[in-house]
Amino acid sequence: MVGEFRRTAVLVPVVGGGFMSAEYGGIRWIYAFTDEAPLARFAEARGSAPDEAWEFVTVLGARLLDGIIPELDGPTGVAVDVADDDASMMFPPVAGIVPDAVAVDVDEDGNRITADGGGR
């Protein structure tokens, strides 16, 4: 799934000059959508009128994960098609998804942190 997301252009809503996002569990989640239909369902779920226009940019998934997220403050992941229960996906800020330098499961020495708190 990560490889497919990296190769896919997604729509990212823009609000106030920045990407629309929400914070949950200490992680900032950038909203991204695979096309205009899931974005429209999300807008409707948030109370937007059917004819209300939303500003968005098209970004390649790899650019979002490797170029944009490392420039942001704090741990950041991507929430894809969140208004669609069966099609939504979450890409958390962990090694193998985002660069190790911003992954929450990699320590400052570059060692992966395991569930028991130890290194690789």
PDB file of N, CA and C in Angstrom:
ATOM      1  N   MET A   1       0.810  -1.192   0.000  1.00  0.00           N
ATOM      2  CA  MET A   1       0.000   0.000   0.000  1.00  0.00           C
ATOM      3  C   MET A   1       0.861   1.268   0.000  1.00  0.00           C
ATOM      4  N   VAL A   2       1.961   1.240   0.736  1.00  0.00           N
ATOM      5  CA  VAL A   2       2.815   2.423   0.800  1.00  0.00           C
ATOM      6  C   VAL A   2       3.393   2.729  -0.581  1.00  0.00           C
ATOM      7  N   GLY A   3       3.862   1.714  -1.279  1.00  0.00           N
ATOM      8  CA  GLY A   3       4.416   1.915  -2.615  1.00  0.00           C
ATOM      9  C   GLY A   3       3.389   2.492  -3.574  1.00  0.00           C
ATOM     10  N   GLU A   4       2.181   1.987  -3.531  1.00  0.00           N
ATOM     11  CA  GLU A   4       1.113   2.496  -4.388  1.00  0.00           C
ATOM     12  C   GLU A   4       0.797   3.948  -4.039  1.00  0.00           C
ATOM     13  N   PHE A   5       0.738   4.262  -2.747  1.00  0.00           N
ATOM     14  CA  PHE A   5       0.479   5.643  -2.339  1.00  0.00           C
ATOM     15  C   PHE A   5       1.586   6.577  -2.833  1.00  0.00           C
ATOM     16  N   ARG A   6       2.822   6.132  -2.743  1.00  0.00           N
ATOM     17  CA  ARG A   6       3.949   6.962  -3.194  1.00  0.00           C
ATOM     18  C   ARG A   6       3.835   7.307  -4.679  1.00  0.00           C
ATOM     19  N   ARG A   7       3.297   6.403  -5.474  1.00  0.00           N
ATOM     20  CA  ARG A   7       3.179   6.610  -6.923  1.00  0.00           C
ATOM     21  C   ARG A   7       1.895   7.332  -7.330  1.00  0.00           C
ATOM     22  N   THR A   8       1.029   7.611  -6.384  1.00  0.00           N
ATOM     23  CA  THR A   8      -0.285   8.180  -6.672  1.00  0.00           C
ATOM     24  C   THR A   8      -0.316   9.677  -6.393  1.00  0.00           C
ATOM     25  N   ALA A   9      -0.938  10.415  -7.301  1.00  0.00           N
ATOM     26  CA  ALA A   9      -1.194  11.838  -7.062  1.00  0.00           C
ATOM     27  C   ALA A   9      -2.481  11.937  -6.246  1.00  0.00           C
ATOM     28  N   VAL A  10      -2.425  12.651  -5.139  1.00  0.00           N
ATOM     29  CA  VAL A  10      -3.586  12.810  -4.266  1.00  0.00           C
ATOM     30  C   VAL A  10      -3.975  14.283  -4.178  1.00  0.00           C
ATOM     31  N   LEU A  11      -5.220  14.519  -3.809  1.00  0.00           N
ATOM     32  CA  LEU A  11      -5.736  15.868  -3.624  1.00  0.00           C
ATOM     33  C   LEU A  11      -5.659  16.208  -2.143  1.00  0.00           C
ATOM     34  N   VAL A  12      -5.029  17.336  -1.833  1.00  0.00           N
ATOM     35  CA  VAL A  12      -4.871  17.758  -0.449  1.00  0.00           C
ATOM     36  C   VAL A  12      -5.560  19.115  -0.288  1.00  0.00           C
ATOM     37  N   PRO A  13      -6.631  19.171   0.525  1.00  0.00           N
ATOM     38  CA  PRO A  13      -7.319  20.449   0.733  1.00  0.00           C
ATOM     39  C   PRO A  13      -6.400  21.478   1.386  1.00  0.00           C
ATOM     40  N   VAL A  14      -6.574  22.728   0.973  1.00  0.00           N
ATOM     41  CA  VAL A  14      -5.779  23.834   1.492  1.00  0.00           C
ATOM     42  C   VAL A  14      -6.713  24.798   2.211  1.00  0.00           C
ATOM     43  N   VAL A  15      -6.335  25.165   3.435  1.00  0.00           N
ATOM     44  CA  VAL A  15      -7.104  26.109   4.240  1.00  0.00           C
ATOM     45  C   VAL A  15      -6.134  27.101   4.860  1.00  0.00           C
ATOM     46  N   GLY A  16      -6.394  28.383   4.672  1.00  0.00           N
ATOM     47  CA  GLY A  16      -5.539  29.398   5.285  1.00  0.00           C
ATOM     48  C   GLY A  16      -4.092  29.311   4.854  1.00  0.00           C
ATOM     49  N   GLY A  17      -3.839  28.864   3.640  1.00  0.00           N
ATOM     50  CA  GLY A  17      -2.480  28.784   3.127  1.00  0.00           C
ATOM     51  C   GLY A  17      -1.722  27.526   3.511  1.00  0.00           C
ATOM     52  N   GLY A  18      -2.347  26.629   4.263  1.00  0.00           N
ATOM     53  CA  GLY A  18      -1.688  25.382   4.658  1.00  0.00           C
ATOM     54  C   GLY A  18      -2.567  24.184   4.374  1.00  0.00           C
ATOM     55  N   PHE A  19      -1.991  23.011   4.477  1.00  0.00           N
ATOM     56  CA  PHE A  19      -2.753  21.792   4.250  1.00  0.00           C
ATOM     57  C   PHE A  19      -3.760  21.572   5.370  1.00  0.00           C
ATOM     58  N   MET A  20      -4.971  21.161   5.010  1.00  0.00           N
ATOM     59  CA  MET A  20      -5.979  20.841   6.017  1.00  0.00           C
ATOM     60  C   MET A  20      -5.525  19.590   6.763  1.00  0.00           C
ATOM     61  N   SER A  21      -5.593  19.670   8.080  1.00  0.00           N
ATOM     62  CA  SER A  21      -5.159  18.547   8.898  1.00  0.00           C
ATOM     63  C   SER A  21      -5.903  18.566  10.222  1.00  0.00           C
ATOM     64  N   ALA A  22      -5.727  17.510  10.972  1.00  0.00           N
ATOM     65  CA  ALA A  22      -6.288  17.414  12.320  1.00  0.00           C
ATOM     66  C   ALA A  22      -5.252  16.727  13.193  1.00  0.00           C
ATOM     67  N   GLU A  23      -5.323  16.990  14.477  1.00  0.00           N
ATOM     68  CA  GLU A  23      -4.422  16.323  15.404  1.00  0.00           C
ATOM     69  C   GLU A  23      -5.186  15.255  16.160  1.00  0.00           C
ATOM     70  N   TYR A  24      -4.585  14.094  16.253  1.00  0.00           N
ATOM     71  CA  TYR A  24      -5.175  12.991  16.998  1.00  0.00           C
ATOM     72  C   TYR A  24      -4.039  12.143  17.556  1.00  0.00           C
ATOM     73  N   GLY A  25      -4.098  11.872  18.850  1.00  0.00           N
ATOM     74  CA  GLY A  25      -3.092  11.025  19.480  1.00  0.00           C
ATOM     75  C   GLY A  25      -1.691  11.601  19.420  1.00  0.00           C
ATOM     76  N   GLY A  26      -1.573  12.936  19.423  1.00  0.00           N
ATOM     77  CA  GLY A  26      -0.265  13.571  19.378  1.00  0.00           C
ATOM     78  C   GLY A  26       0.363  13.604  17.992  1.00  0.00           C
ATOM     79  N   ILE A  27      -0.402  13.215  16.983  1.00  0.00           N
ATOM     80  CA  ILE A  27       0.089  13.206  15.603  1.00  0.00           C
ATOM     81  C   ILE A  27      -0.787  14.121  14.763  1.00  0.00           C
ATOM     82  N   ARG A  28      -0.166  14.905  13.936  1.00  0.00           N
ATOM     83  CA  ARG A  28      -0.885  15.725  12.970  1.00  0.00           C
ATOM     84  C   ARG A  28      -1.164  14.845  11.756  1.00  0.00           C
ATOM     85  N   TRP A  29      -2.412  14.815  11.304  1.00  0.00           N
ATOM     86  CA  TRP A  29      -2.814  13.999  10.153  1.00  0.00           C
ATOM     87  C   TRP A  29      -3.233  14.920   9.022  1.00  0.00           C
ATOM     88  N   ILE A  30      -2.504  14.891   7.927  1.00  0.00           N
ATOM     89  CA  ILE A  30      -2.854  15.666   6.738  1.00  0.00           C
ATOM     90  C   ILE A  30      -3.914  14.881   5.978  1.00  0.00           C
ATOM     91  N   TYR A  31      -5.004  15.559   5.621  1.00  0.00           N
ATOM     92  CA  TYR A  31      -6.050  14.917   4.831  1.00  0.00           C
ATOM     93  C   TYR A  31      -5.636  14.859   3.366  1.00  0.00           C
ATOM     94  N   ALA A  32      -5.811  13.698   2.735  1.00  0.00           N
ATOM     95  CA  ALA A  32      -5.528  13.526   1.312  1.00  0.00           C
ATOM     96  C   ALA A  32      -6.629  12.657   0.711  1.00  0.00           C
ATOM     97  N   PHE A  33      -6.900  12.865  -0.577  1.00  0.00           N
ATOM     98  CA  PHE A  33      -7.997  12.160  -1.224  1.00  0.00           C
ATOM     99  C   PHE A  33      -7.560  11.649  -2.592  1.00  0.00           C
ATOM    100  N   THR A  34      -8.041  10.468  -2.947  1.00  0.00           N
ATOM    101  CA  THR A  34      -7.622   9.825  -4.186  1.00  0.00           C
ATOM    102  C   THR A  34      -8.255  10.462  -5.419  1.00  0.00           C
ATOM    103  N   ASP A  35      -9.375  11.139  -5.263  1.00  0.00           N
ATOM    104  CA  ASP A  35      -9.973  11.917  -6.354  1.00  0.00           C
ATOM    105  C   ASP A  35     -11.042  12.846  -5.773  1.00  0.00           C
ATOM    106  N   GLU A  36     -11.752  13.538  -6.650  1.00  0.00           N
ATOM    107  CA  GLU A  36     -12.706  14.551  -6.185  1.00  0.00           C
ATOM    108  C   GLU A  36     -13.930  13.968  -5.486  1.00  0.00           C
ATOM    109  N   ALA A  37     -14.343  12.757  -5.823  1.00  0.00           N
ATOM    110  CA  ALA A  37     -15.531  12.168  -5.191  1.00  0.00           C
ATOM    111  C   ALA A  37     -15.340  11.963  -3.681  1.00  0.00           C
ATOM    112  N   PRO A  38     -14.253  11.330  -3.220  1.00  0.00           N
ATOM    113  CA  PRO A  38     -14.079  11.201  -1.773  1.00  0.00           C
ATOM    114  C   PRO A  38     -13.853  12.554  -1.084  1.00  0.00           C
ATOM    115  N   LEU A  39     -13.220  13.494  -1.788  1.00  0.00           N
ATOM    116  CA  LEU A  39     -13.064  14.839  -1.225  1.00  0.00           C
ATOM    117  C   LEU A  39     -14.430  15.487  -1.042  1.00  0.00           C
ATOM    118  N   ALA A  40     -15.326  15.328  -2.011  1.00  0.00           N
ATOM    119  CA  ALA A  40     -16.675  15.890  -1.909  1.00  0.00           C
ATOM    120  C   ALA A  40     -17.454  15.250  -0.758  1.00  0.00           C
ATOM    121  N   ARG A  41     -17.315  13.938  -0.559  1.00  0.00           N
ATOM    122  CA  ARG A  41     -17.987  13.268   0.568  1.00  0.00           C
ATOM    123  C   ARG A  41     -17.463  13.792   1.896  1.00  0.00           C
ATOM    124  N   PHE A  42     -16.158  14.024   1.966  1.00  0.00           N
ATOM    125  CA  PHE A  42     -15.554  14.588   3.176  1.00  0.00           C
ATOM    126  C   PHE A  42     -16.096  15.994   3.432  1.00  0.00           C
ATOM    127  N   ALA A  43     -16.146  16.816   2.387  1.00  0.00           N
ATOM    128  CA  ALA A  43     -16.655  18.180   2.525  1.00  0.00           C
ATOM    129  C   ALA A  43     -18.102  18.163   3.003  1.00  0.00           C
ATOM    130  N   GLU A  44     -18.907  17.280   2.433  1.00  0.00           N
ATOM    131  CA  GLU A  44     -20.312  17.166   2.840  1.00  0.00           C
ATOM    132  C   GLU A  44     -20.424  16.725   4.297  1.00  0.00           C
ATOM    133  N   ALA A  45     -19.592  15.761   4.705  1.00  0.00           N
ATOM    134  CA  ALA A  45     -19.607  15.278   6.087  1.00  0.00           C
ATOM    135  C   ALA A  45     -19.226  16.383   7.066  1.00  0.00           C
ATOM    136  N   ARG A  46     -18.459  17.354   6.596  1.00  0.00           N
ATOM    137  CA  ARG A  46     -18.051  18.490   7.439  1.00  0.00           C
ATOM    138  C   ARG A  46     -19.045  19.637   7.356  1.00  0.00           C
ATOM    139  N   GLY A  47     -20.173  19.433   6.666  1.00  0.00           N
ATOM    140  CA  GLY A  47     -21.226  20.435   6.640  1.00  0.00           C
ATOM    141  C   GLY A  47     -21.164  21.425   5.495  1.00  0.00           C
ATOM    142  N   SER A  48     -20.308  21.194   4.512  1.00  0.00           N
ATOM    143  CA  SER A  48     -20.230  22.107   3.365  1.00  0.00           C
ATOM    144  C   SER A  48     -21.439  21.923   2.460  1.00  0.00           C
ATOM    145  N   ALA A  49     -21.865  23.015   1.843  1.00  0.00           N
ATOM    146  CA  ALA A  49     -22.946  22.957   0.866  1.00  0.00           C
ATOM    147  C   ALA A  49     -22.455  22.212  -0.371  1.00  0.00           C
ATOM    148  N   PRO A  50     -23.356  21.504  -1.073  1.00  0.00           N
ATOM    149  CA  PRO A  50     -22.947  20.732  -2.244  1.00  0.00           C
ATOM    150  C   PRO A  50     -22.235  21.554  -3.317  1.00  0.00           C
ATOM    151  N   ASP A  51     -22.554  22.823  -3.446  1.00  0.00           N
ATOM    152  CA  ASP A  51     -21.929  23.651  -4.484  1.00  0.00           C
ATOM    153  C   ASP A  51     -20.760  24.489  -3.965  1.00  0.00           C
ATOM    154  N   GLU A  52     -20.402  24.290  -2.706  1.00  0.00           N
ATOM    155  CA  GLU A  52     -19.282  25.052  -2.125  1.00  0.00           C
ATOM    156  C   GLU A  52     -17.950  24.510  -2.650  1.00  0.00           C
ATOM    157  N   ALA A  53     -17.125  25.386  -3.185  1.00  0.00           N
ATOM    158  CA  ALA A  53     -15.820  24.984  -3.728  1.00  0.00           C
ATOM    159  C   ALA A  53     -14.790  24.881  -2.612  1.00  0.00           C
ATOM    160  N   TRP A  54     -13.959  23.857  -2.711  1.00  0.00           N
ATOM    161  CA  TRP A  54     -12.846  23.683  -1.782  1.00  0.00           C
ATOM    162  C   TRP A  54     -11.556  23.836  -2.567  1.00  0.00           C
ATOM    163  N   GLU A  55     -10.622  24.594  -2.018  1.00  0.00           N
ATOM    164  CA  GLU A  55      -9.314  24.721  -2.652  1.00  0.00           C
ATOM    165  C   GLU A  55      -8.487  23.484  -2.292  1.00  0.00           C
ATOM    166  N   PHE A  56      -7.779  22.951  -3.284  1.00  0.00           N
ATOM    167  CA  PHE A  56      -6.898  21.814  -3.026  1.00  0.00           C
ATOM    168  C   PHE A  56      -5.722  21.875  -3.985  1.00  0.00           C
ATOM    169  N   VAL A  57      -4.675  21.148  -3.623  1.00  0.00           N
ATOM    170  CA  VAL A  57      -3.525  20.984  -4.504  1.00  0.00           C
ATOM    171  C   VAL A  57      -3.371  19.493  -4.787  1.00  0.00           C
ATOM    172  N   THR A  58      -2.762  19.194  -5.926  1.00  0.00           N
ATOM    173  CA  THR A  58      -2.464  17.810  -6.273  1.00  0.00           C
ATOM    174  C   THR A  58      -0.993  17.563  -5.972  1.00  0.00           C
ATOM    175  N   VAL A  59      -0.741  16.530  -5.183  1.00  0.00           N
ATOM    176  CA  VAL A  59       0.617  16.227  -4.724  1.00  0.00           C
ATOM    177  C   VAL A  59       0.871  14.740  -4.897  1.00  0.00           C
ATOM    178  N   LEU A  60       2.031  14.393  -5.396  1.00  0.00           N
ATOM    179  CA  LEU A  60       2.426  12.999  -5.471  1.00  0.00           C
ATOM    180  C   LEU A  60       2.657  12.484  -4.046  1.00  0.00           C
ATOM    181  N   GLY A  61       2.164  11.294  -3.750  1.00  0.00           N
ATOM    182  CA  GLY A  61       2.304  10.734  -2.403  1.00  0.00           C
ATOM    183  C   GLY A  61       3.739  10.740  -1.905  1.00  0.00           C
ATOM    184  N   ALA A  62       4.690  10.394  -2.769  1.00  0.00           N
ATOM    185  CA  ALA A  62       6.103  10.382  -2.374  1.00  0.00           C
ATOM    186  C   ALA A  62       6.564  11.773  -1.955  1.00  0.00           C
ATOM    187  N   ARG A  63       6.118  12.791  -2.659  1.00  0.00           N
ATOM    188  CA  ARG A  63       6.495  14.173  -2.318  1.00  0.00           C
ATOM    189  C   ARG A  63       5.925  14.563  -0.962  1.00  0.00           C
ATOM    190  N   LEU A  64       4.698  14.143  -0.694  1.00  0.00           N
ATOM    191  CA  LEU A  64       4.067  14.434   0.588  1.00  0.00           C
ATOM    192  C   LEU A  64       4.838  13.762   1.729  1.00  0.00           C
ATOM    193  N   LEU A  65       5.147  12.476   1.571  1.00  0.00           N
ATOM    194  CA  LEU A  65       5.829  11.723   2.627  1.00  0.00           C
ATOM    195  C   LEU A  65       7.290  12.118   2.800  1.00  0.00           C
ATOM    196  N   ASP A  66       8.009  12.293   1.693  1.00  0.00           N
ATOM    197  CA  ASP A  66       9.461  12.494   1.764  1.00  0.00           C
ATOM    198  C   ASP A  66       9.902  13.949   1.762  1.00  0.00           C
ATOM    199  N   GLY A  67       9.096  14.831   1.179  1.00  0.00           N
ATOM    200  CA  GLY A  67       9.510  16.225   1.057  1.00  0.00           C
ATOM    201  C   GLY A  67       8.773  17.186   1.947  1.00  0.00           C
ATOM    202  N   ILE A  68       7.461  16.992   2.082  1.00  0.00           N
ATOM    203  CA  ILE A  68       6.651  17.954   2.832  1.00  0.00           C
ATOM    204  C   ILE A  68       6.613  17.631   4.316  1.00  0.00           C
ATOM    205  N   ILE A  69       6.326  16.396   4.663  1.00  0.00           N
ATOM    206  CA  ILE A  69       6.232  16.025   6.080  1.00  0.00           C
ATOM    207  C   ILE A  69       7.509  16.333   6.851  1.00  0.00           C
ATOM    208  N   PRO A  70       8.701  16.068   6.322  1.00  0.00           N
ATOM    209  CA  PRO A  70       9.913  16.414   7.083  1.00  0.00           C
ATOM    210  C   PRO A  70      10.074  17.913   7.358  1.00  0.00           C
ATOM    211  N   GLU A  71       9.403  18.757   6.597  1.00  0.00           N
ATOM    212  CA  GLU A  71       9.495  20.208   6.798  1.00  0.00           C
ATOM    213  C   GLU A  71       8.534  20.725   7.866  1.00  0.00           C
ATOM    214  N   LEU A  72       7.628  19.887   8.338  1.00  0.00           N
ATOM    215  CA  LEU A  72       6.614  20.302   9.306  1.00  0.00           C
ATOM    216  C   LEU A  72       7.094  20.061  10.728  1.00  0.00           C
ATOM    217  N   ASP A  73       6.534  20.819  11.659  1.00  0.00           N
ATOM    218  CA  ASP A  73       6.868  20.630  13.073  1.00  0.00           C
ATOM    219  C   ASP A  73       6.055  19.491  13.662  1.00  0.00           C
ATOM    220  N   GLY A  74       6.708  18.610  14.353  1.00  0.00           N
ATOM    221  CA  GLY A  74       6.044  17.527  15.052  1.00  0.00           C
ATOM    222  C   GLY A  74       5.711  16.352  14.157  1.00  0.00           C
ATOM    223  N   PRO A  75       5.356  15.231  14.784  1.00  0.00           N
ATOM    224  CA  PRO A  75       5.045  14.027  14.014  1.00  0.00           C
ATOM    225  C   PRO A  75       3.803  14.232  13.153  1.00  0.00           C
ATOM    226  N   THR A  76       3.914  13.852  11.873  1.00  0.00           N
ATOM    227  CA  THR A  76       2.827  14.060  10.914  1.00  0.00           C
ATOM    228  C   THR A  76       2.670  12.834  10.040  1.00  0.00           C
ATOM    229  N   GLY A  77       1.410  12.409   9.868  1.00  0.00           N
ATOM    230  CA  GLY A  77       1.076  11.307   8.982  1.00  0.00           C
ATOM    231  C   GLY A  77       0.050  11.768   7.963  1.00  0.00           C
ATOM    232  N   VAL A  78      -0.439  10.835   7.168  1.00  0.00           N
ATOM    233  CA  VAL A  78      -1.416  11.153   6.129  1.00  0.00           C
ATOM    234  C   VAL A  78      -2.649  10.279   6.326  1.00  0.00           C
ATOM    235  N   ALA A  79      -3.821  10.913   6.313  1.00  0.00           N
ATOM    236  CA  ALA A  79      -5.108  10.219   6.378  1.00  0.00           C
ATOM    237  C   ALA A  79      -5.750  10.327   5.000  1.00  0.00           C
ATOM    238  N   VAL A  80      -5.968   9.195   4.345  1.00  0.00           N
ATOM    239  CA  VAL A  80      -6.462   9.165   2.967  1.00  0.00           C
ATOM    240  C   VAL A  80      -7.928   8.744   2.938  1.00  0.00           C
ATOM    241  N   ASP A  81      -8.735   9.502   2.206  1.00  0.00           N
ATOM    242  CA  ASP A  81     -10.157   9.196   1.989  1.00  0.00           C
ATOM    243  C   ASP A  81     -10.891   8.891   3.296  1.00  0.00           C
ATOM    244  N   VAL A  82     -10.721   9.761   4.287  1.00  0.00           N
ATOM    245  CA  VAL A  82     -11.250   9.497   5.625  1.00  0.00           C
ATOM    246  C   VAL A  82     -12.765   9.477   5.729  1.00  0.00           C
ATOM    247  N   ALA A  83     -13.476   9.993   4.746  1.00  0.00           N
ATOM    248  CA  ALA A  83     -14.942   9.949   4.794  1.00  0.00           C
ATOM    249  C   ALA A  83     -15.486   8.622   4.284  1.00  0.00           C
ATOM    250  N   ASP A  84     -14.632   7.764   3.773  1.00  0.00           N
ATOM    251  CA  ASP A  84     -15.043   6.477   3.208  1.00  0.00           C
ATOM    252  C   ASP A  84     -14.597   5.353   4.132  1.00  0.00           C
ATOM    253  N   ASP A  85     -15.538   4.806   4.892  1.00  0.00           N
ATOM    254  CA  ASP A  85     -15.198   3.768   5.868  1.00  0.00           C
ATOM    255  C   ASP A  85     -14.422   2.603   5.265  1.00  0.00           C
ATOM    256  N   ASP A  86     -14.827   2.141   4.098  1.00  0.00           N
ATOM    257  CA  ASP A  86     -14.204   0.960   3.496  1.00  0.00           C
ATOM    258  C   ASP A  86     -12.914   1.254   2.744  1.00  0.00           C
ATOM    259  N   ALA A  87     -12.675   2.510   2.396  1.00  0.00           N
ATOM    260  CA  ALA A  87     -11.522   2.832   1.556  1.00  0.00           C
ATOM    261  C   ALA A  87     -10.483   3.704   2.255  1.00  0.00           C
ATOM    262  N   SER A  88     -10.722   4.088   3.492  1.00  0.00           N
ATOM    263  CA  SER A  88      -9.780   4.982   4.154  1.00  0.00           C
ATOM    264  C   SER A  88      -8.491   4.251   4.514  1.00  0.00           C
ATOM    265  N   MET A  89      -7.395   5.007   4.510  1.00  0.00           N
ATOM    266  CA  MET A  89      -6.081   4.464   4.835  1.00  0.00           C
ATOM    267  C   MET A  89      -5.340   5.490   5.691  1.00  0.00           C
ATOM    268  N   MET A  90      -4.506   5.012   6.575  1.00  0.00           N
ATOM    269  CA  MET A  90      -3.683   5.887   7.401  1.00  0.00           C
ATOM    270  C   MET A  90      -2.223   5.516   7.177  1.00  0.00           C
ATOM    271  N   PHE A  91      -1.410   6.537   6.951  1.00  0.00           N
ATOM    272  CA  PHE A  91       0.025   6.349   6.796  1.00  0.00           C
ATOM    273  C   PHE A  91       0.698   7.099   7.942  1.00  0.00           C
ATOM    274  N   PRO A  92       0.997   6.392   9.042  1.00  0.00           N
ATOM    275  CA  PRO A  92       1.569   7.049  10.220  1.00  0.00           C
ATOM    276  C   PRO A  92       3.031   7.426  10.011  1.00  0.00           C
ATOM    277  N   PRO A  93       3.528   8.319  10.848  1.00  0.00           N
ATOM    278  CA  PRO A  93       4.916   8.757  10.717  1.00  0.00           C
ATOM    279  C   PRO A  93       5.902   7.759  11.339  1.00  0.00           C
ATOM    280  N   VAL A  94       6.051   6.622  10.691  1.00  0.00           N
ATOM    281  CA  VAL A  94       6.956   5.574  11.170  1.00  0.00           C
ATOM    282  C   VAL A  94       7.955   5.218  10.083  1.00  0.00           C
ATOM    283  N   ALA A  95       9.029   4.560  10.490  1.00  0.00           N
ATOM    284  CA  ALA A  95      10.066   4.123   9.542  1.00  0.00           C
ATOM    285  C   ALA A  95       9.439   3.269   8.451  1.00  0.00           C
ATOM    286  N   GLY A  96       9.893   3.481   7.232  1.00  0.00           N
ATOM    287  CA  GLY A  96       9.360   2.755   6.101  1.00  0.00           C
ATOM    288  C   GLY A  96       8.241   3.505   5.399  1.00  0.00           C
ATOM    289  N   ILE A  97       7.705   4.523   6.071  1.00  0.00           N
ATOM    290  CA  ILE A  97       6.679   5.363   5.464  1.00  0.00           C
ATOM    291  C   ILE A  97       7.215   6.774   5.280  1.00  0.00           C
ATOM    292  N   VAL A  98       7.729   7.359   6.347  1.00  0.00           N
ATOM    293  CA  VAL A  98       8.361   8.684   6.278  1.00  0.00           C
ATOM    294  C   VAL A  98       9.859   8.502   6.499  1.00  0.00           C
ATOM    295  N   PRO A  99      10.669   9.507   6.177  1.00  0.00           N
ATOM    296  CA  PRO A  99      12.106   9.391   6.437  1.00  0.00           C
ATOM    297  C   PRO A  99      12.398   9.124   7.915  1.00  0.00           C
ATOM    298  N   ASP A 100      13.418   8.328   8.176  1.00  0.00           N
ATOM    299  CA  ASP A 100      13.775   7.979   9.556  1.00  0.00           C
ATOM    300  C   ASP A 100      13.957   9.205  10.443  1.00  0.00           C
ATOM    301  N   ALA A 101      14.438  10.302   9.895  1.00  0.00           N
ATOM    302  CA  ALA A 101      14.690  11.505  10.694  1.00  0.00           C
ATOM    303  C   ALA A 101      13.425  12.068  11.337  1.00  0.00           C
ATOM    304  N   VAL A 102      12.249  11.771  10.780  1.00  0.00           N
ATOM    305  CA  VAL A 102      10.996  12.279  11.348  1.00  0.00           C
ATOM    306  C   VAL A 102      10.060  11.161  11.796  1.00  0.00           C
ATOM    307  N   ALA A 103      10.537   9.922  11.767  1.00  0.00           N
ATOM    308  CA  ALA A 103       9.726   8.777  12.192  1.00  0.00           C
ATOM    309  C   ALA A 103       9.676   8.722  13.713  1.00  0.00           C
ATOM    310  N   VAL A 104       8.496   8.462  14.256  1.00  0.00           N
ATOM    311  CA  VAL A 104       8.341   8.413  15.708  1.00  0.00           C
ATOM    312  C   VAL A 104       8.895   7.137  16.318  1.00  0.00           C
ATOM    313  N   ASP A 105       9.208   6.144  15.482  1.00  0.00           N
ATOM    314  CA  ASP A 105       9.722   4.880  16.004  1.00  0.00           C
ATOM    315  C   ASP A 105      11.222   4.686  15.743  1.00  0.00           C
ATOM    316  N   VAL A 106      11.930   5.810  15.536  1.00  0.00           N
ATOM    317  CA  VAL A 106      13.379   5.785  15.347  1.00  0.00           C
ATOM    318  C   VAL A 106      13.993   6.781  16.330  1.00  0.00           C
ATOM    319  N   ASP A 107      14.998   6.314  17.104  1.00  0.00           N
ATOM    320  CA  ASP A 107      15.618   7.217  18.074  1.00  0.00           C
ATOM    321  C   ASP A 107      16.652   8.121  17.404  1.00  0.00           C
ATOM    322  N   GLU A 108      17.231   9.020  18.174  1.00  0.00           N
ATOM    323  CA  GLU A 108      18.170   9.997  17.610  1.00  0.00           C
ATOM    324  C   GLU A 108      19.446   9.368  17.057  1.00  0.00           C
ATOM    325  N   ASP A 109      19.727   8.109  17.424  1.00  0.00           N
ATOM    326  CA  ASP A 109      20.887   7.399  16.886  1.00  0.00           C
ATOM    327  C   ASP A 109      20.545   6.605  15.624  1.00  0.00           C
ATOM    328  N   GLY A 110      19.286   6.698  15.180  1.00  0.00           N
ATOM    329  CA  GLY A 110      18.870   5.987  13.979  1.00  0.00           C
ATOM    330  C   GLY A 110      18.420   4.558  14.223  1.00  0.00           C
ATOM    331  N   ASN A 111      18.257   4.187  15.487  1.00  0.00           N
ATOM    332  CA  ASN A 111      17.812   2.835  15.823  1.00  0.00           C
ATOM    333  C   ASN A 111      16.296   2.785  15.915  1.00  0.00           C
ATOM    334  N   ARG A 112      15.728   1.741  15.361  1.00  0.00           N
ATOM    335  CA  ARG A 112      14.281   1.577  15.414  1.00  0.00           C
ATOM    336  C   ARG A 112      13.874   1.185  16.823  1.00  0.00           C
ATOM    337  N   ILE A 113      12.858   1.834  17.342  1.00  0.00           N
ATOM    338  CA  ILE A 113      12.343   1.551  18.674  1.00  0.00           C
ATOM    339  C   ILE A 113      11.287   0.465  18.553  1.00  0.00           C
ATOM    340  N   THR A 114      11.430  -0.612  19.303  1.00  0.00           N
ATOM    341  CA  THR A 114      10.483  -1.717  19.240  1.00  0.00           C
ATOM    342  C   THR A 114       9.391  -1.514  20.281  1.00  0.00           C
ATOM    343  N   ALA A 115       8.358  -2.347  20.209  1.00  0.00           N
ATOM    344  CA  ALA A 115       7.217  -2.254  21.122  1.00  0.00           C
ATOM    345  C   ALA A 115       7.639  -2.385  22.585  1.00  0.00           C
ATOM    346  N   ASP A 116       8.722  -3.122  22.844  1.00  0.00           N
ATOM    347  CA  ASP A 116       9.161  -3.294  24.232  1.00  0.00           C
ATOM    348  C   ASP A 116      10.117  -2.193  24.670  1.00  0.00           C
ATOM    349  N   GLY A 117      10.323  -1.193  23.785  1.00  0.00           N
ATOM    350  CA  GLY A 117      11.170  -0.053  24.134  1.00  0.00           C
ATOM    351  C   GLY A 117      12.621  -0.207  23.747  1.00  0.00           C
ATOM    352  N   GLY A 118      13.004  -1.371  23.251  1.00  0.00           N
ATOM    353  CA  GLY A 118      14.388  -1.609  22.868  1.00  0.00           C
ATOM    354  C   GLY A 118      14.668  -1.187  21.434  1.00  0.00           C
ATOM    355  N   GLY A 119      15.928  -1.331  21.045  1.00  0.00           N
ATOM    356  CA  GLY A 119      16.350  -1.001  19.683  1.00  0.00           C
ATOM    357  C   GLY A 119      16.167  -2.172  18.752  1.00  0.00           C
ATOM    358  N   ARG A 120      16.712  -1.988  17.540  1.00  0.00           N
ATOM    359  CA  ARG A 120      16.587  -3.042  16.521  1.00  0.00           C
ATOM    360  C   ARG A 120      17.227  -4.316  16.939  1.00  0.00           C
TER     361      ARG A 120
END
